[in-house]
Amino acid sequence: MPFVSIIVAAIAGFAVGAVWYMSLANAWMDAANIARGPDGKPENDGPLPYVMAFVAMLLVAGMMRHSFALSGIDTAGAGLVSGVGIGLFFISPWIMINNAYAGRPFRLTVIDGGYAVLGCAAIGLVLTLF
């Protein structure tokens, strides 16, 4: 059952990202300086980023499950709060550092960090529901 929970949690994290970035597509593309084609979509819109994103979600969900098991996090509330904490205090600061050194606008950090928080919250919740 642990592998099923990791896969379902990864799907949840990926789905949150799909909704998040579809809602903020233009703001994200502007902040990230993404080149767009005549249709307004990113020029390099192939499947590879989506595959890499899902693999990343599997890695995050797997490590979160391991950390939760070691920490005794086993309720939905604890999973949700722990996921928020991981996204807010582990992942978002790293995004901020990378964006600051790259000279990217802070709004990109807010957009990407927001996804880290919500995605990890969803993963944490799903992991504790199994």
Protein backbone atom coordinates (compact mmCIF):
# COMPACT_ATOMS: atom_id res chain seq x y z
CA MET A 1 0.00 0.00 0.00
CA PRO A 2 2.84 2.49 0.55
CA PHE A 3 3.61 2.69 -3.17
CA VAL A 4 -0.02 3.31 -4.02
CA SER A 5 -0.19 6.18 -1.53
CA ILE A 6 2.96 7.70 -3.03
CA ILE A 7 1.58 7.48 -6.56
CA VAL A 8 -1.81 8.94 -5.57
CA ALA A 9 -0.11 11.71 -3.59
CA ALA A 10 2.14 12.50 -6.56
CA ILE A 11 -0.92 12.71 -8.80
CA ALA A 12 -2.54 15.09 -6.30
CA GLY A 13 0.57 17.30 -6.21
CA PHE A 14 0.76 17.29 -10.00
CA ALA A 15 -2.96 18.13 -10.30
CA VAL A 16 -2.58 21.07 -7.90
CA GLY A 17 0.24 22.32 -10.11
CA ALA A 18 -1.89 22.00 -13.23
CA VAL A 19 -4.68 24.08 -11.72
CA TRP A 20 -2.25 26.58 -10.16
CA TYR A 21 -0.26 27.24 -13.30
CA MET A 22 -3.29 27.26 -15.61
CA SER A 23 -4.80 29.91 -13.34
CA LEU A 24 -1.58 31.95 -13.29
CA ALA A 25 -0.28 31.08 -16.77
CA ASN A 26 0.15 34.61 -18.08
CA ALA A 27 1.58 36.01 -14.85
CA TRP A 28 4.00 33.07 -14.60
CA MET A 29 5.12 33.31 -18.24
CA ASP A 30 5.68 37.06 -17.85
CA ALA A 31 7.64 36.66 -14.61
CA ALA A 32 9.70 33.75 -15.96
CA ASN A 33 10.25 35.55 -19.29
CA ILE A 34 8.95 32.55 -21.24
CA ALA A 35 8.96 33.00 -25.02
CA ARG A 36 5.50 32.57 -26.50
CA GLY A 37 4.35 31.50 -29.91
CA PRO A 38 1.66 33.28 -31.95
CA ASP A 39 -1.01 31.30 -30.07
CA GLY A 40 0.19 32.72 -26.71
CA LYS A 41 1.46 29.36 -25.50
CA PRO A 42 5.10 28.67 -24.61
CA GLU A 43 7.22 28.01 -27.70
CA ASN A 44 8.90 24.93 -26.25
CA ASP A 45 5.74 23.20 -25.06
CA GLY A 46 6.69 19.52 -25.37
CA PRO A 47 5.96 16.63 -23.01
CA LEU A 48 9.36 16.54 -21.28
CA PRO A 49 8.65 19.20 -18.61
CA TYR A 50 5.45 17.39 -17.64
CA VAL A 51 7.22 14.04 -17.38
CA MET A 52 9.99 15.60 -15.30
CA ALA A 53 7.42 17.31 -13.08
CA PHE A 54 5.63 14.04 -12.40
CA VAL A 55 8.89 12.26 -11.60
CA ALA A 56 9.71 15.13 -9.23
CA MET A 57 6.31 14.72 -7.56
CA LEU A 58 7.01 11.01 -7.08
CA LEU A 59 10.33 11.85 -5.42
CA VAL A 60 8.79 14.48 -3.16
CA ALA A 61 5.87 12.23 -2.20
CA GLY A 62 8.20 9.32 -1.51
CA MET A 63 10.47 11.36 0.73
CA MET A 64 7.53 12.98 2.50
CA ARG A 65 6.06 9.53 3.18
CA HIS A 66 9.38 8.39 4.61
CA SER A 67 9.69 11.51 6.78
CA PHE A 68 6.10 11.20 7.97
CA ALA A 69 6.63 7.56 8.94
CA LEU A 70 9.75 8.41 10.92
CA SER A 71 8.03 11.37 12.60
CA GLY A 72 4.77 9.61 13.44
CA ILE A 73 2.69 11.94 11.26
CA ASP A 74 -0.43 9.89 10.64
CA THR A 75 -3.49 12.14 10.75
CA ALA A 76 -4.92 14.23 7.94
CA GLY A 77 -4.47 17.47 9.88
CA ALA A 78 -0.86 16.69 10.73
CA GLY A 79 -0.16 15.68 7.13
CA LEU A 80 -1.69 18.87 5.79
CA VAL A 81 0.17 21.13 8.22
CA SER A 82 3.44 19.26 7.71
CA GLY A 83 3.04 19.54 3.94
CA VAL A 84 2.46 23.29 4.23
CA GLY A 85 5.55 23.56 6.42
CA ILE A 86 7.71 21.63 3.97
CA GLY A 87 6.56 23.78 1.05
CA LEU A 88 6.80 27.05 2.97
CA PHE A 89 9.98 26.53 4.95
CA PHE A 90 12.05 24.08 2.86
CA ILE A 91 11.14 24.44 -0.81
CA SER A 92 10.05 28.08 -1.12
CA PRO A 93 13.26 29.50 0.40
CA TRP A 94 15.30 27.43 -2.07
CA ILE A 95 13.21 28.78 -4.94
CA MET A 96 13.78 32.29 -3.61
CA ILE A 97 17.56 31.79 -3.48
CA ASN A 98 17.66 30.44 -7.05
CA ASN A 99 15.49 33.25 -8.39
CA ALA A 100 17.41 35.95 -6.50
CA TYR A 101 20.76 34.84 -7.90
CA ALA A 102 19.27 34.57 -11.38
CA GLY A 103 17.90 38.12 -11.09
CA ARG A 104 14.34 36.98 -11.61
CA PRO A 105 11.41 39.01 -10.29
CA PHE A 106 10.14 38.26 -6.80
CA ARG A 107 6.64 37.62 -8.18
CA LEU A 108 8.06 34.48 -9.81
CA THR A 109 9.15 33.31 -6.36
CA VAL A 110 5.66 33.98 -5.03
CA ILE A 111 4.04 32.03 -7.87
CA ASP A 112 6.42 29.07 -7.73
CA GLY A 113 6.60 29.11 -3.93
CA GLY A 114 2.81 29.18 -3.74
CA TYR A 115 2.71 25.99 -5.78
CA ALA A 116 5.33 24.40 -3.52
CA VAL A 117 3.17 25.14 -0.47
CA LEU A 118 -0.13 23.99 -1.98
CA GLY A 119 1.39 20.99 -3.74
CA CYS A 120 3.13 19.74 -0.59
CA ALA A 121 -0.04 20.35 1.41
CA ALA A 122 -1.98 18.15 -1.02
CA ILE A 123 0.72 15.47 -0.94
CA GLY A 124 0.82 15.52 2.86
CA LEU A 125 -2.95 15.26 3.10
CA VAL A 126 -3.18 12.37 0.64
CA LEU A 127 -0.33 10.47 2.28
CA THR A 128 -2.09 10.54 5.64
CA LEU A 129 -5.45 9.47 4.21
CA PHE A 130 -4.01 6.04 3.27
